[in-house]
Amino acid sequence: MAVDKDYAMQLGRAWAQHRENNNLAAITEFNAILKQSAENIDALYGLGLALRAQGQREDAISNFRSALQLVENALVLEPGKDRFEMMHRMISQRLTELDAPTLPR
């Protein structure tokens, strides 16, 4: 259970840094999470947002696409699951805002 609590705290710190516009710190936190869990959808999405805020468009797109692919895979296993449907919409919107193609549904 301590690992789950530590993970939640680390993810919370990363999101707090992003919300406070401390995007370099957020990028560091999200990358630390991804180093331990490369397929963490929340961290990939958050990293994409922080990178976009820092003007790193291509890196943001890459992270959004990675997150979207994981969401697509999750929807195959759990079709209609609200969390993944919502994440799909959010990530697709970010890619559209960056004029980047999304995955077909």
N, C-alpha and C. Protein backbone atom coordinates (compact mmCIF):
# COMPACT_ATOMS: atom_id res chain seq x y z
N MET A 1 0.80 -1.20 0.00
CA MET A 1 0.00 0.00 0.00
C MET A 1 0.84 1.26 0.00
N ALA A 2 2.00 1.24 0.62
CA ALA A 2 2.87 2.42 0.66
C ALA A 2 3.27 2.85 -0.75
N VAL A 3 3.51 1.88 -1.63
CA VAL A 3 3.88 2.21 -2.99
C VAL A 3 2.75 2.97 -3.67
N ASP A 4 1.51 2.52 -3.51
CA ASP A 4 0.37 3.21 -4.10
C ASP A 4 0.25 4.63 -3.57
N LYS A 5 0.45 4.79 -2.25
CA LYS A 5 0.36 6.11 -1.64
C LYS A 5 1.48 7.00 -2.18
N ASP A 6 2.71 6.48 -2.27
CA ASP A 6 3.83 7.26 -2.80
C ASP A 6 3.56 7.66 -4.24
N TYR A 7 3.03 6.72 -5.03
CA TYR A 7 2.72 7.00 -6.43
C TYR A 7 1.69 8.12 -6.52
N ALA A 8 0.64 8.02 -5.73
CA ALA A 8 -0.42 9.03 -5.75
C ALA A 8 0.13 10.39 -5.34
N MET A 9 1.01 10.40 -4.37
CA MET A 9 1.61 11.66 -3.93
C MET A 9 2.49 12.25 -5.03
N GLN A 10 3.28 11.41 -5.67
CA GLN A 10 4.15 11.88 -6.74
C GLN A 10 3.33 12.43 -7.91
N LEU A 11 2.29 11.73 -8.29
CA LEU A 11 1.42 12.20 -9.37
C LEU A 11 0.74 13.51 -8.95
N GLY A 12 0.31 13.59 -7.72
CA GLY A 12 -0.31 14.81 -7.21
C GLY A 12 0.66 15.99 -7.25
N ARG A 13 1.92 15.76 -6.88
CA ARG A 13 2.93 16.82 -6.96
C ARG A 13 3.14 17.29 -8.39
N ALA A 14 3.19 16.34 -9.30
CA ALA A 14 3.39 16.68 -10.72
C ALA A 14 2.25 17.54 -11.22
N TRP A 15 1.01 17.13 -10.92
CA TRP A 15 -0.15 17.91 -11.37
C TRP A 15 -0.18 19.28 -10.70
N ALA A 16 0.18 19.36 -9.42
CA ALA A 16 0.21 20.64 -8.72
C ALA A 16 1.22 21.58 -9.37
N GLN A 17 2.38 21.05 -9.73
CA GLN A 17 3.39 21.88 -10.40
C GLN A 17 2.84 22.41 -11.71
N HIS A 18 2.17 21.56 -12.46
CA HIS A 18 1.59 22.01 -13.74
C HIS A 18 0.52 23.08 -13.51
N ARG A 19 -0.38 22.85 -12.56
CA ARG A 19 -1.43 23.83 -12.29
C ARG A 19 -0.86 25.18 -11.87
N GLU A 20 0.28 25.16 -11.18
CA GLU A 20 0.92 26.40 -10.72
C GLU A 20 1.84 26.99 -11.77
N ASN A 21 1.80 26.43 -12.98
CA ASN A 21 2.61 26.89 -14.12
C ASN A 21 4.10 26.70 -13.89
N ASN A 22 4.46 25.76 -13.02
CA ASN A 22 5.86 25.36 -12.82
C ASN A 22 6.11 24.15 -13.71
N ASN A 23 6.05 24.38 -15.01
CA ASN A 23 6.05 23.26 -15.94
C ASN A 23 7.37 22.51 -16.03
N LEU A 24 8.50 23.18 -15.80
CA LEU A 24 9.77 22.45 -15.80
C LEU A 24 9.81 21.45 -14.65
N ALA A 25 9.32 21.87 -13.49
CA ALA A 25 9.25 20.95 -12.34
C ALA A 25 8.24 19.84 -12.62
N ALA A 26 7.12 20.19 -13.26
CA ALA A 26 6.12 19.17 -13.60
C ALA A 26 6.70 18.15 -14.56
N ILE A 27 7.44 18.62 -15.55
CA ILE A 27 8.07 17.71 -16.52
C ILE A 27 9.00 16.75 -15.80
N THR A 28 9.78 17.26 -14.86
CA THR A 28 10.69 16.40 -14.09
C THR A 28 9.91 15.35 -13.31
N GLU A 29 8.83 15.75 -12.66
CA GLU A 29 8.01 14.82 -11.86
C GLU A 29 7.35 13.77 -12.76
N PHE A 30 6.73 14.22 -13.85
CA PHE A 30 6.07 13.27 -14.74
C PHE A 30 7.08 12.28 -15.33
N ASN A 31 8.25 12.77 -15.70
CA ASN A 31 9.28 11.88 -16.24
C ASN A 31 9.75 10.86 -15.20
N ALA A 32 9.83 11.27 -13.95
CA ALA A 32 10.22 10.34 -12.88
C ALA A 32 9.18 9.22 -12.75
N ILE A 33 7.92 9.57 -12.86
CA ILE A 33 6.85 8.56 -12.80
C ILE A 33 6.98 7.62 -13.99
N LEU A 34 7.20 8.19 -15.18
CA LEU A 34 7.28 7.37 -16.39
C LEU A 34 8.52 6.48 -16.40
N LYS A 35 9.55 6.88 -15.70
CA LYS A 35 10.75 6.04 -15.60
C LYS A 35 10.42 4.74 -14.85
N GLN A 36 9.49 4.83 -13.91
CA GLN A 36 9.07 3.66 -13.14
C GLN A 36 7.91 2.92 -13.81
N SER A 37 7.10 3.65 -14.56
CA SER A 37 5.90 3.07 -15.16
C SER A 37 5.68 3.74 -16.52
N ALA A 38 6.35 3.23 -17.54
CA ALA A 38 6.38 3.85 -18.87
C ALA A 38 5.00 3.95 -19.52
N GLU A 39 4.05 3.15 -19.07
CA GLU A 39 2.72 3.15 -19.69
C GLU A 39 1.67 3.80 -18.79
N ASN A 40 2.09 4.76 -18.01
CA ASN A 40 1.17 5.45 -17.11
C ASN A 40 0.44 6.54 -17.90
N ILE A 41 -0.81 6.31 -18.18
CA ILE A 41 -1.60 7.21 -19.02
C ILE A 41 -1.67 8.61 -18.41
N ASP A 42 -1.90 8.69 -17.10
CA ASP A 42 -2.03 9.99 -16.45
C ASP A 42 -0.73 10.79 -16.56
N ALA A 43 0.39 10.14 -16.36
CA ALA A 43 1.68 10.82 -16.44
C ALA A 43 2.00 11.22 -17.88
N LEU A 44 1.69 10.37 -18.84
CA LEU A 44 1.92 10.72 -20.25
C LEU A 44 1.07 11.93 -20.65
N TYR A 45 -0.18 11.94 -20.23
CA TYR A 45 -1.06 13.06 -20.55
C TYR A 45 -0.56 14.34 -19.87
N GLY A 46 -0.24 14.24 -18.59
CA GLY A 46 0.26 15.40 -17.86
C GLY A 46 1.56 15.93 -18.45
N LEU A 47 2.44 15.01 -18.82
CA LEU A 47 3.70 15.42 -19.44
C LEU A 47 3.43 16.14 -20.76
N GLY A 48 2.48 15.63 -21.52
CA GLY A 48 2.11 16.30 -22.77
C GLY A 48 1.63 17.72 -22.53
N LEU A 49 0.81 17.90 -21.49
CA LEU A 49 0.31 19.24 -21.17
C LEU A 49 1.44 20.18 -20.75
N ALA A 50 2.33 19.67 -19.90
CA ALA A 50 3.44 20.50 -19.43
C ALA A 50 4.39 20.85 -20.58
N LEU A 51 4.65 19.89 -21.45
CA LEU A 51 5.51 20.15 -22.60
C LEU A 51 4.87 21.17 -23.54
N ARG A 52 3.58 21.03 -23.76
CA ARG A 52 2.86 21.99 -24.60
C ARG A 52 2.98 23.39 -24.00
N ALA A 53 2.81 23.49 -22.69
CA ALA A 53 2.90 24.79 -22.01
C ALA A 53 4.30 25.40 -22.14
N GLN A 54 5.30 24.55 -22.28
CA GLN A 54 6.69 25.01 -22.44
C GLN A 54 7.04 25.27 -23.90
N GLY A 55 6.08 25.08 -24.79
CA GLY A 55 6.33 25.33 -26.21
C GLY A 55 7.01 24.19 -26.94
N GLN A 56 7.03 23.01 -26.31
CA GLN A 56 7.68 21.84 -26.92
C GLN A 56 6.63 21.00 -27.62
N ARG A 57 6.13 21.54 -28.73
CA ARG A 57 4.99 20.98 -29.46
C ARG A 57 5.19 19.52 -29.86
N GLU A 58 6.29 19.22 -30.53
CA GLU A 58 6.50 17.86 -31.04
C GLU A 58 6.60 16.84 -29.91
N ASP A 59 7.28 17.19 -28.83
CA ASP A 59 7.37 16.28 -27.69
C ASP A 59 6.00 16.09 -27.04
N ALA A 60 5.22 17.19 -26.98
CA ALA A 60 3.87 17.09 -26.43
C ALA A 60 3.02 16.14 -27.28
N ILE A 61 3.09 16.32 -28.59
CA ILE A 61 2.33 15.45 -29.51
C ILE A 61 2.73 14.00 -29.31
N SER A 62 4.01 13.74 -29.20
CA SER A 62 4.50 12.37 -29.02
C SER A 62 3.91 11.74 -27.75
N ASN A 63 3.90 12.49 -26.66
CA ASN A 63 3.36 11.96 -25.41
C ASN A 63 1.85 11.79 -25.48
N PHE A 64 1.16 12.73 -26.11
CA PHE A 64 -0.29 12.58 -26.27
C PHE A 64 -0.60 11.34 -27.12
N ARG A 65 0.16 11.13 -28.17
CA ARG A 65 -0.09 9.95 -29.02
C ARG A 65 0.18 8.65 -28.26
N SER A 66 1.22 8.63 -27.45
CA SER A 66 1.51 7.44 -26.64
C SER A 66 0.37 7.17 -25.67
N ALA A 67 -0.12 8.23 -25.03
CA ALA A 67 -1.24 8.08 -24.09
C ALA A 67 -2.49 7.62 -24.83
N LEU A 68 -2.74 8.19 -26.00
CA LEU A 68 -3.93 7.81 -26.77
C LEU A 68 -3.87 6.35 -27.19
N GLN A 69 -2.71 5.88 -27.58
CA GLN A 69 -2.58 4.48 -27.96
C GLN A 69 -2.88 3.56 -26.77
N LEU A 70 -2.40 3.91 -25.60
CA LEU A 70 -2.68 3.12 -24.40
C LEU A 70 -4.18 3.13 -24.07
N VAL A 71 -4.80 4.28 -24.25
CA VAL A 71 -6.25 4.38 -24.01
C VAL A 71 -7.00 3.52 -25.02
N GLU A 72 -6.59 3.58 -26.27
CA GLU A 72 -7.23 2.74 -27.30
C GLU A 72 -7.10 1.26 -26.92
N ASN A 73 -5.92 0.85 -26.48
CA ASN A 73 -5.71 -0.54 -26.06
C ASN A 73 -6.60 -0.90 -24.88
N ALA A 74 -6.74 0.02 -23.94
CA ALA A 74 -7.58 -0.22 -22.76
C ALA A 74 -9.05 -0.35 -23.17
N LEU A 75 -9.46 0.44 -24.15
CA LEU A 75 -10.85 0.37 -24.60
C LEU A 75 -11.17 -0.94 -25.33
N VAL A 76 -10.17 -1.55 -25.91
CA VAL A 76 -10.38 -2.87 -26.52
C VAL A 76 -10.68 -3.89 -25.42
N LEU A 77 -9.94 -3.78 -24.31
CA LEU A 77 -10.13 -4.71 -23.20
C LEU A 77 -11.38 -4.40 -22.38
N GLU A 78 -11.69 -3.11 -22.26
CA GLU A 78 -12.84 -2.69 -21.45
C GLU A 78 -13.66 -1.68 -22.24
N PRO A 79 -14.36 -2.12 -23.28
CA PRO A 79 -15.14 -1.19 -24.11
C PRO A 79 -16.16 -0.41 -23.28
N GLY A 80 -16.25 0.89 -23.58
CA GLY A 80 -17.25 1.71 -22.92
C GLY A 80 -16.89 2.18 -21.53
N LYS A 81 -15.72 1.80 -21.01
CA LYS A 81 -15.36 2.23 -19.66
C LYS A 81 -15.21 3.75 -19.64
N ASP A 82 -15.96 4.39 -18.75
CA ASP A 82 -16.04 5.85 -18.72
C ASP A 82 -14.68 6.53 -18.63
N ARG A 83 -13.81 6.06 -17.76
CA ARG A 83 -12.49 6.69 -17.59
C ARG A 83 -11.75 6.75 -18.92
N PHE A 84 -11.72 5.64 -19.63
CA PHE A 84 -10.97 5.59 -20.89
C PHE A 84 -11.67 6.36 -22.00
N GLU A 85 -12.99 6.37 -22.00
CA GLU A 85 -13.74 7.17 -22.98
C GLU A 85 -13.43 8.65 -22.78
N MET A 86 -13.43 9.08 -21.51
CA MET A 86 -13.14 10.47 -21.19
C MET A 86 -11.70 10.83 -21.57
N MET A 87 -10.76 9.95 -21.23
CA MET A 87 -9.36 10.20 -21.58
C MET A 87 -9.18 10.28 -23.10
N HIS A 88 -9.88 9.42 -23.81
CA HIS A 88 -9.79 9.44 -25.28
C HIS A 88 -10.23 10.80 -25.82
N ARG A 89 -11.34 11.30 -25.31
CA ARG A 89 -11.84 12.62 -25.76
C ARG A 89 -10.85 13.73 -25.41
N MET A 90 -10.35 13.72 -24.19
CA MET A 90 -9.43 14.77 -23.74
C MET A 90 -8.14 14.78 -24.56
N ILE A 91 -7.56 13.61 -24.75
CA ILE A 91 -6.30 13.53 -25.49
C ILE A 91 -6.52 13.90 -26.95
N SER A 92 -7.61 13.43 -27.53
CA SER A 92 -7.92 13.77 -28.92
C SER A 92 -8.09 15.28 -29.08
N GLN A 93 -8.72 15.92 -28.11
CA GLN A 93 -8.89 17.37 -28.16
C GLN A 93 -7.54 18.08 -28.13
N ARG A 94 -6.63 17.61 -27.28
CA ARG A 94 -5.30 18.24 -27.21
C ARG A 94 -4.57 18.08 -28.54
N LEU A 95 -4.66 16.91 -29.15
CA LEU A 95 -4.01 16.69 -30.44
C LEU A 95 -4.63 17.59 -31.52
N THR A 96 -5.94 17.73 -31.49
CA THR A 96 -6.62 18.61 -32.44
C THR A 96 -6.16 20.05 -32.26
N GLU A 97 -6.03 20.48 -31.02
CA GLU A 97 -5.55 21.84 -30.74
C GLU A 97 -4.14 22.06 -31.30
N LEU A 98 -3.35 21.00 -31.33
CA LEU A 98 -1.98 21.09 -31.85
C LEU A 98 -1.92 20.76 -33.35
N ASP A 99 -3.08 20.64 -33.99
CA ASP A 99 -3.17 20.31 -35.41
C ASP A 99 -2.42 19.02 -35.73
N ALA A 100 -2.56 18.04 -34.83
CA ALA A 100 -1.92 16.74 -35.04
C ALA A 100 -3.02 15.70 -35.24
N PRO A 101 -2.85 14.80 -36.20
CA PRO A 101 -3.87 13.77 -36.42
C PRO A 101 -4.04 12.86 -35.20
N THR A 102 -5.25 12.40 -34.99
CA THR A 102 -5.53 11.46 -33.92
C THR A 102 -5.71 10.07 -34.50
N LEU A 103 -5.80 9.11 -33.63
CA LEU A 103 -6.02 7.73 -34.07
C LEU A 103 -7.47 7.55 -34.47
N PRO A 104 -7.75 6.81 -35.50
CA PRO A 104 -9.16 6.56 -35.87
C PRO A 104 -9.82 5.70 -34.82
N ARG A 105 -11.13 5.88 -34.66
CA ARG A 105 -11.88 5.08 -33.69
C ARG A 105 -12.72 4.08 -34.39
